[in-house]
N, C-alpha and C. Protein backbone atom coordinates (compact mmCIF):
# COMPACT_ATOMS: atom_id res chain seq x y z
N MET A 1 9.56 -7.51 -0.03
CA MET A 1 9.95 -7.07 1.31
C MET A 1 11.13 -6.05 1.29
N LYS A 2 12.15 -6.46 0.39
CA LYS A 2 13.31 -5.61 0.26
C LYS A 2 12.89 -4.15 0.03
N LYS A 3 11.93 -3.92 -1.02
CA LYS A 3 11.55 -2.61 -1.45
C LYS A 3 11.02 -1.83 -0.30
N LYS A 4 10.16 -2.43 0.51
CA LYS A 4 9.61 -1.68 1.68
C LYS A 4 10.75 -1.19 2.68
N GLU A 5 11.70 -2.11 2.84
CA GLU A 5 12.94 -1.68 3.72
C GLU A 5 13.61 -0.56 3.22
N SER A 6 13.82 -0.56 1.88
CA SER A 6 14.56 0.52 1.26
C SER A 6 13.92 1.94 1.40
N THR A 7 12.61 1.88 1.41
CA THR A 7 11.81 3.15 1.52
C THR A 7 11.95 3.69 2.98
N GLN A 8 12.37 2.93 3.86
CA GLN A 8 12.44 3.41 5.31
C GLN A 8 13.91 3.95 5.52
N VAL A 9 14.78 3.92 4.56
CA VAL A 9 16.09 4.44 4.64
C VAL A 9 16.23 5.87 3.89
N CYS A 10 16.71 6.77 4.68
CA CYS A 10 16.91 8.21 4.02
C CYS A 10 17.85 8.14 2.95
N PRO A 11 17.38 8.61 1.74
CA PRO A 11 18.41 8.63 0.67
C PRO A 11 19.42 9.57 0.79
N LEU A 12 19.44 10.56 1.76
CA LEU A 12 20.37 11.52 1.95
C LEU A 12 21.53 11.06 2.85
N CYS A 13 21.13 10.41 3.97
CA CYS A 13 22.18 10.15 4.99
C CYS A 13 22.16 8.70 5.38
N GLY A 14 21.13 7.93 5.04
CA GLY A 14 21.10 6.53 5.42
C GLY A 14 20.47 6.26 6.71
N GLY A 15 19.97 7.38 7.33
CA GLY A 15 19.25 7.29 8.56
C GLY A 15 17.86 6.63 8.48
N HIS A 16 17.12 6.44 9.51
CA HIS A 16 15.85 5.79 9.47
C HIS A 16 14.64 6.81 9.36
N LYS A 17 13.79 6.59 8.33
CA LYS A 17 12.75 7.52 8.10
C LYS A 17 11.52 7.06 8.88
N GLN A 18 10.80 7.90 9.63
CA GLN A 18 9.72 7.58 10.49
C GLN A 18 8.64 8.63 10.35
N PRO A 19 7.34 8.22 10.66
CA PRO A 19 6.13 9.12 10.59
C PRO A 19 6.37 10.19 11.66
N GLY A 20 5.95 11.39 11.25
CA GLY A 20 5.98 12.53 12.20
C GLY A 20 5.15 13.63 11.67
N ARG A 21 5.44 14.77 12.24
CA ARG A 21 4.66 16.05 11.83
C ARG A 21 5.62 17.18 11.70
N THR A 22 5.20 18.14 10.78
CA THR A 22 6.15 19.20 10.48
C THR A 22 5.30 20.43 10.41
N THR A 23 6.02 21.56 10.09
CA THR A 23 5.26 22.86 9.79
C THR A 23 5.71 23.17 8.31
N PHE A 24 4.67 23.44 7.49
CA PHE A 24 4.86 23.80 6.09
C PHE A 24 4.67 25.31 6.01
N SER A 25 5.43 25.95 5.22
CA SER A 25 5.33 27.38 4.92
C SER A 25 5.62 27.74 3.42
N ALA A 26 4.90 28.64 2.97
CA ALA A 26 4.89 29.01 1.50
C ALA A 26 4.78 30.54 1.38
N ASP A 27 5.81 31.11 0.67
CA ASP A 27 5.72 32.59 0.27
C ASP A 27 4.86 32.66 -0.95
N ILE A 28 3.85 33.41 -0.72
CA ILE A 28 2.88 33.66 -1.81
C ILE A 28 2.87 35.03 -2.54
N GLY A 29 4.13 35.64 -2.37
CA GLY A 29 4.30 36.86 -3.10
C GLY A 29 4.11 38.04 -2.07
N GLU A 30 2.78 38.41 -1.97
CA GLU A 30 2.33 39.37 -1.15
C GLU A 30 2.14 38.95 0.39
N GLY A 31 2.27 37.56 0.65
CA GLY A 31 2.08 37.13 2.01
C GLY A 31 2.80 35.87 2.17
N VAL A 32 2.35 35.23 3.31
CA VAL A 32 3.02 33.95 3.72
C VAL A 32 1.98 33.13 4.16
N VAL A 33 1.99 31.67 3.93
CA VAL A 33 1.11 30.76 4.43
C VAL A 33 1.92 29.83 5.46
N VAL A 34 1.46 29.57 6.60
CA VAL A 34 2.08 28.61 7.57
C VAL A 34 1.05 27.60 7.90
N VAL A 35 1.32 26.31 7.71
CA VAL A 35 0.37 25.26 8.06
C VAL A 35 1.12 24.32 9.07
N ARG A 36 0.52 24.26 10.30
CA ARG A 36 1.30 23.53 11.35
C ARG A 36 0.75 22.12 11.40
N ASN A 37 1.50 21.16 12.02
CA ASN A 37 0.91 19.76 12.39
C ASN A 37 0.69 19.04 11.14
N VAL A 38 1.53 19.22 10.05
CA VAL A 38 1.32 18.55 8.72
C VAL A 38 1.98 17.10 8.82
N LYS A 39 1.17 16.03 8.42
CA LYS A 39 1.76 14.70 8.42
C LYS A 39 2.93 14.66 7.43
N ALA A 40 4.05 14.07 7.85
CA ALA A 40 5.15 13.95 7.07
C ALA A 40 5.95 12.68 7.44
N THR A 41 6.91 12.31 6.68
CA THR A 41 7.98 11.29 7.06
C THR A 41 9.33 12.00 7.24
N ILE A 42 9.87 11.71 8.47
CA ILE A 42 10.98 12.55 8.87
C ILE A 42 12.23 11.61 9.18
N CYS A 43 13.44 12.01 8.72
CA CYS A 43 14.63 11.22 8.88
C CYS A 43 15.05 11.47 10.43
N SER A 44 15.28 10.45 11.24
CA SER A 44 15.64 10.56 12.58
C SER A 44 17.04 11.00 12.73
N GLN A 45 17.81 10.91 11.62
CA GLN A 45 19.24 11.25 11.84
C GLN A 45 19.48 12.70 11.21
N CYS A 46 19.07 13.00 10.03
CA CYS A 46 19.31 14.43 9.51
C CYS A 46 18.16 15.34 9.47
N GLY A 47 16.94 14.77 9.84
CA GLY A 47 15.84 15.67 9.81
C GLY A 47 15.10 16.02 8.65
N GLU A 48 15.52 15.53 7.58
CA GLU A 48 15.01 15.78 6.25
C GLU A 48 13.51 15.37 6.23
N GLU A 49 12.70 15.97 5.64
CA GLU A 49 11.18 15.74 5.73
C GLU A 49 10.58 15.58 4.29
N TRP A 50 9.66 14.67 4.25
CA TRP A 50 8.82 14.32 3.07
C TRP A 50 7.42 14.30 3.31
N ILE A 51 6.69 14.99 2.38
CA ILE A 51 5.21 15.11 2.52
C ILE A 51 4.59 14.27 1.43
N ASP A 52 3.64 13.29 1.64
CA ASP A 52 3.05 12.43 0.64
C ASP A 52 2.17 13.25 -0.34
N ASN A 53 1.89 12.68 -1.51
CA ASN A 53 1.15 13.42 -2.54
C ASN A 53 -0.35 13.84 -2.00
N PRO A 54 -1.01 13.02 -1.36
CA PRO A 54 -2.37 13.53 -0.98
C PRO A 54 -2.26 14.82 0.08
N THR A 55 -1.30 14.66 0.91
CA THR A 55 -1.15 15.82 1.80
C THR A 55 -0.60 17.02 1.03
N ALA A 56 0.24 16.84 0.03
CA ALA A 56 0.79 18.02 -0.66
C ALA A 56 -0.38 18.58 -1.50
N GLN A 57 -1.25 17.89 -2.04
CA GLN A 57 -2.43 18.36 -2.72
C GLN A 57 -3.37 19.10 -1.89
N GLU A 58 -3.57 18.75 -0.60
CA GLU A 58 -4.34 19.55 0.34
C GLU A 58 -3.53 20.85 0.71
N LEU A 59 -2.22 20.78 0.84
CA LEU A 59 -1.51 22.05 1.07
C LEU A 59 -1.70 23.07 -0.14
N GLU A 60 -1.66 22.47 -1.28
CA GLU A 60 -1.62 23.31 -2.53
C GLU A 60 -3.21 24.06 -2.50
N THR A 61 -4.20 23.35 -2.06
CA THR A 61 -5.41 23.96 -1.93
C THR A 61 -5.52 25.11 -0.83
N VAL A 62 -4.88 24.81 0.26
CA VAL A 62 -4.72 25.92 1.30
C VAL A 62 -4.01 27.17 0.81
N VAL A 63 -2.85 26.96 0.01
CA VAL A 63 -2.06 28.02 -0.39
C VAL A 63 -2.85 28.78 -1.55
N ALA A 64 -3.53 28.10 -2.46
CA ALA A 64 -4.31 28.71 -3.42
C ALA A 64 -5.39 29.52 -2.94
N ASP A 65 -6.08 29.07 -1.82
CA ASP A 65 -7.05 29.75 -1.17
C ASP A 65 -6.59 30.93 -0.54
N ALA A 66 -5.53 31.02 0.08
CA ALA A 66 -4.87 32.24 0.77
C ALA A 66 -4.50 33.18 -0.28
N ARG A 67 -3.93 32.72 -1.50
CA ARG A 67 -3.53 33.57 -2.57
C ARG A 67 -4.81 34.30 -3.07
N GLN A 68 -5.87 33.57 -3.36
CA GLN A 68 -7.05 34.09 -3.79
C GLN A 68 -7.64 35.21 -2.89
N LYS A 69 -7.54 34.91 -1.61
CA LYS A 69 -8.05 35.97 -0.68
C LYS A 69 -7.13 37.05 -0.43
N ARG A 70 -5.84 36.97 -1.02
CA ARG A 70 -4.95 38.00 -0.86
C ARG A 70 -4.49 38.36 0.46
N LEU A 71 -4.30 37.21 1.29
CA LEU A 71 -4.00 37.33 2.75
C LEU A 71 -2.54 37.62 2.89
N GLN A 72 -2.20 38.53 3.76
CA GLN A 72 -0.76 38.74 4.10
C GLN A 72 -0.08 37.54 4.97
N VAL A 73 -0.97 37.03 5.84
CA VAL A 73 -0.41 35.93 6.65
C VAL A 73 -1.73 34.97 6.85
N GLU A 74 -1.41 33.73 6.58
CA GLU A 74 -2.44 32.73 6.88
C GLU A 74 -1.67 31.66 7.69
N VAL A 75 -2.16 31.36 8.91
CA VAL A 75 -1.58 30.35 9.80
C VAL A 75 -2.83 29.38 10.08
N THR A 76 -2.68 28.10 9.79
CA THR A 76 -3.67 27.15 10.09
C THR A 76 -3.07 25.92 10.60
N THR A 77 -3.88 24.93 11.04
CA THR A 77 -3.42 23.67 11.44
C THR A 77 -4.13 22.67 10.74
N PHE A 78 -3.50 21.48 10.41
CA PHE A 78 -4.16 20.37 9.81
C PHE A 78 -4.82 19.58 10.74
C-alpha cells in the first residue's frame, strides 16, 4: 500500500499526481508533429506531466509515420 501512495506524489514538488490529458509535440527536423488529447498523469500543483510506456510507444509510431511521409505539420488526436 505504501508504494502505491508514493507513486501518487509528484517527485518534483510533492503535489498530487492525477490522471489527465495533455498535448504532445515533437520536432522531426523538417516538420512538427502535434498530438492532442494524450492520456497522461499530471501534477495538480506544478503541472508536470508523465506519459506511460504504452502511450509513448503509440506516440513513437505516430512520429515515425509523419517522418516517413516527410510531413511539415501533422496534427492528430488520440
